[in-house]
Amino acid sequence: MSTADGQHEFDEAGVDMDNLTEQDLLLLAELDVLFDKVDPVPADLVERVQFAIALEDLDVEVARWERAEELAGVRGAGPNTVTFTVEDLTIMVSFAPAGAGYRFDGWLVPGGPHTVEVRVAGHSSTTAEADEGGRFAVDDVPKGTTQLVVHLANGTGSRPRTIVTPTLML
């Protein structure tokens, strides 16, 4: 299809729509159906994206994955450990199946009396206080899209900081 000024119209993939035959269009329609069947958009994608960005305090630092030991086994029977880091903080958390959900045992390095919030989509947040050594534990974490938010204790003269991890699918 050409525009009013005679220019060719291209779709978002850069395909010249004027040069497609009826067979091309049928093939593209079949490919669309095939991709919808073999690799559909996750039904909860919008919810997961909204969960990941719905933080009350948008002034957060995002931690990065450092090590994920056997994360493929999250749904398995054994404990799993994942490590996240930002410039001056390491967050290590082990999680093991417990009842209908998980138990989290974690450590913050350097330690201190920081607040750790566990967010799970569709559930209320649970908080735990880390001890001076940085250890914290949270029982009864439900299954689902999960994220840790660490509210660092405010040292003298420094501004409060909040660290958020990437989401985990438990």
Protein backbone atom coordinates (compact mmCIF):
# COMPACT_ATOMS: atom_id res chain seq x y z
CA MET A 1 0.00 0.00 0.00
CA SER A 2 1.42 3.38 -0.95
CA THR A 3 0.99 6.56 1.02
CA ALA A 4 -0.74 9.64 -0.42
CA ASP A 5 2.58 11.00 -1.67
CA GLY A 6 3.38 7.78 -3.58
CA GLN A 7 5.90 6.45 -1.04
CA HIS A 8 5.90 2.76 -0.13
CA GLU A 9 4.55 1.77 3.27
CA PHE A 10 6.76 -0.40 5.48
CA ASP A 11 5.74 -2.33 8.58
CA GLU A 12 7.66 -2.25 11.89
CA ALA A 13 10.04 -4.96 10.62
CA GLY A 14 10.93 -2.92 7.55
CA VAL A 15 8.96 -5.09 5.10
CA ASP A 16 7.68 -3.29 2.02
CA MET A 17 3.98 -4.15 2.26
CA ASP A 18 3.42 -3.14 -1.39
CA ASN A 19 5.56 -6.01 -2.67
CA LEU A 20 3.90 -8.87 -0.77
CA THR A 21 1.88 -11.39 -2.73
CA GLU A 22 -1.25 -13.11 -1.47
CA GLN A 23 0.88 -16.21 -0.83
CA ASP A 24 3.33 -14.11 1.21
CA LEU A 25 0.47 -12.82 3.34
CA LEU A 26 -0.90 -16.36 3.88
CA LEU A 27 2.56 -17.60 4.88
CA LEU A 28 3.00 -14.71 7.32
CA ALA A 29 -0.42 -15.44 8.84
CA GLU A 30 0.53 -19.12 9.30
CA LEU A 31 3.83 -18.11 10.92
CA ASP A 32 1.93 -15.81 13.28
CA VAL A 33 -0.30 -18.70 14.37
CA LEU A 34 2.73 -21.00 14.74
CA PHE A 35 4.60 -18.52 16.96
CA ASP A 36 1.49 -17.97 19.09
CA LYS A 37 1.40 -21.74 19.71
CA VAL A 38 5.10 -22.53 20.28
CA ASP A 39 6.23 -19.31 21.96
CA PRO A 40 3.22 -17.39 23.26
CA VAL A 41 3.52 -14.19 25.22
CA PRO A 42 3.31 -15.21 28.91
CA ALA A 43 -0.21 -14.63 30.22
CA ASP A 44 1.18 -12.87 33.29
CA LEU A 45 3.73 -10.69 31.48
CA VAL A 46 1.95 -7.40 32.19
CA GLU A 47 1.55 -8.32 35.88
CA ARG A 48 5.24 -9.26 36.14
CA VAL A 49 6.38 -6.00 34.55
CA GLN A 50 4.06 -3.94 36.76
CA PHE A 51 5.32 -5.84 39.82
CA ALA A 52 8.95 -5.19 38.93
CA ILE A 53 8.47 -1.43 38.59
CA ALA A 54 5.82 -0.82 41.27
CA LEU A 55 8.12 0.35 44.05
CA GLU A 56 6.96 3.15 46.30
CA ASP A 57 10.44 4.69 46.33
CA LEU A 58 11.68 5.05 42.77
CA ASP A 59 15.08 6.21 44.04
CA VAL A 60 16.48 2.68 44.25
CA GLU A 61 19.67 0.98 43.20
CA VAL A 62 19.26 -2.23 41.23
CA ALA A 63 21.52 -5.10 42.28
CA ARG A 64 22.89 -7.42 39.63
CA TRP A 65 23.11 -11.21 39.58
CA GLU A 66 26.51 -12.52 40.59
CA ARG A 67 26.00 -16.21 41.03
CA ALA A 68 23.00 -18.45 40.61
CA GLU A 69 23.72 -21.98 41.74
CA GLU A 70 21.26 -24.49 40.30
CA LEU A 71 18.46 -21.95 39.83
CA ALA A 72 16.88 -24.31 37.35
CA GLY A 73 16.14 -26.48 40.40
CA VAL A 74 14.16 -23.80 42.23
CA ARG A 75 11.09 -25.96 41.92
CA GLY A 76 13.10 -28.98 43.11
CA ALA A 77 13.56 -30.30 46.61
CA GLY A 78 16.96 -28.87 47.59
CA PRO A 79 18.06 -25.44 48.76
CA ASN A 80 19.31 -22.92 46.20
CA THR A 81 21.57 -19.92 46.63
CA VAL A 82 21.76 -16.73 44.62
CA THR A 83 24.05 -13.74 45.08
CA PHE A 84 23.35 -10.13 44.09
CA THR A 85 25.72 -7.17 44.30
CA VAL A 86 25.81 -3.41 44.06
CA GLU A 87 28.93 -1.32 44.40
CA ASP A 88 29.34 -1.71 48.17
CA LEU A 89 26.87 -4.43 49.20
CA THR A 90 26.53 -8.16 48.58
CA ILE A 91 23.21 -9.91 49.14
CA MET A 92 23.32 -13.69 49.36
CA VAL A 93 20.11 -15.63 49.87
CA SER A 94 19.40 -19.34 50.10
CA PHE A 95 15.88 -20.58 49.71
CA ALA A 96 14.49 -24.00 50.39
CA PRO A 97 11.00 -25.45 50.00
CA ALA A 98 9.04 -25.21 53.25
CA GLY A 99 5.37 -26.07 53.44
CA ALA A 100 3.46 -24.41 50.60
CA GLY A 101 6.26 -21.91 49.93
CA TYR A 102 9.89 -21.26 50.80
CA ARG A 103 12.18 -20.31 53.66
CA PHE A 104 14.78 -17.63 52.92
CA ASP A 105 18.07 -17.47 54.82
CA GLY A 106 20.18 -14.52 53.80
CA TRP A 107 23.29 -12.50 54.52
CA LEU A 108 24.19 -8.91 53.77
CA VAL A 109 27.87 -7.98 53.49
CA PRO A 110 28.84 -5.70 55.07
CA GLY A 111 26.41 -6.52 57.85
CA GLY A 112 24.31 -4.15 59.86
CA PRO A 113 20.79 -3.67 61.16
CA HIS A 114 19.20 -3.29 57.73
CA THR A 115 15.57 -4.04 56.86
CA VAL A 116 14.97 -6.72 54.23
CA GLU A 117 11.59 -6.75 52.49
CA VAL A 118 10.45 -9.77 50.49
CA ARG A 119 7.88 -8.86 47.83
CA VAL A 120 5.80 -11.54 46.11
CA ALA A 121 3.31 -10.60 43.39
CA GLY A 122 -0.26 -10.92 44.60
CA HIS A 123 0.77 -11.13 48.28
CA SER A 124 1.62 -8.62 50.97
CA SER A 125 5.28 -7.90 51.66
CA THR A 126 7.13 -9.54 54.53
CA THR A 127 9.98 -7.80 56.32
CA ALA A 128 12.85 -9.05 58.45
CA GLU A 129 15.58 -7.20 60.29
CA ALA A 130 19.15 -8.26 59.58
CA ASP A 131 21.34 -8.60 62.65
CA GLU A 132 24.68 -6.81 63.11
CA GLY A 133 26.36 -9.64 61.18
CA GLY A 134 23.95 -9.15 58.27
CA ARG A 135 22.00 -12.40 58.74
CA PHE A 136 18.24 -12.48 58.15
CA ALA A 137 15.58 -15.17 57.74
CA VAL A 138 12.05 -15.14 56.36
CA ASP A 139 9.64 -18.07 56.70
CA ASP A 140 6.55 -18.84 54.65
CA VAL A 141 7.48 -16.98 51.46
CA PRO A 142 4.72 -17.85 48.95
CA LYS A 143 5.50 -19.11 45.46
CA GLY A 144 5.45 -16.56 42.66
CA THR A 145 7.33 -13.61 41.23
CA THR A 146 9.62 -12.57 44.09
CA GLN A 147 11.93 -9.63 44.73
CA LEU A 148 14.12 -8.55 47.64
CA VAL A 149 14.24 -4.91 48.71
CA VAL A 150 16.98 -3.96 51.17
CA HIS A 151 16.52 -0.73 53.11
CA LEU A 152 20.00 0.13 54.36
CA ALA A 153 20.35 1.60 57.82
CA ASN A 154 21.06 5.31 57.56
CA GLY A 155 24.57 6.06 58.81
CA THR A 156 25.35 9.43 60.32
CA GLY A 157 25.26 12.11 57.65
CA SER A 158 24.39 9.76 54.78
CA ARG A 159 21.17 9.59 52.84
CA PRO A 160 18.95 6.50 53.13
CA ARG A 161 19.51 3.93 50.38
CA THR A 162 17.27 1.23 49.00
CA ILE A 163 18.60 -1.71 46.99
CA VAL A 164 16.29 -3.90 44.89
CA THR A 165 17.13 -7.25 43.30
CA PRO A 166 15.99 -8.57 39.95
CA THR A 167 12.91 -10.77 40.24
CA LEU A 168 13.03 -14.49 40.96
CA MET A 169 10.34 -16.87 39.75
CA LEU A 170 9.70 -19.27 42.64
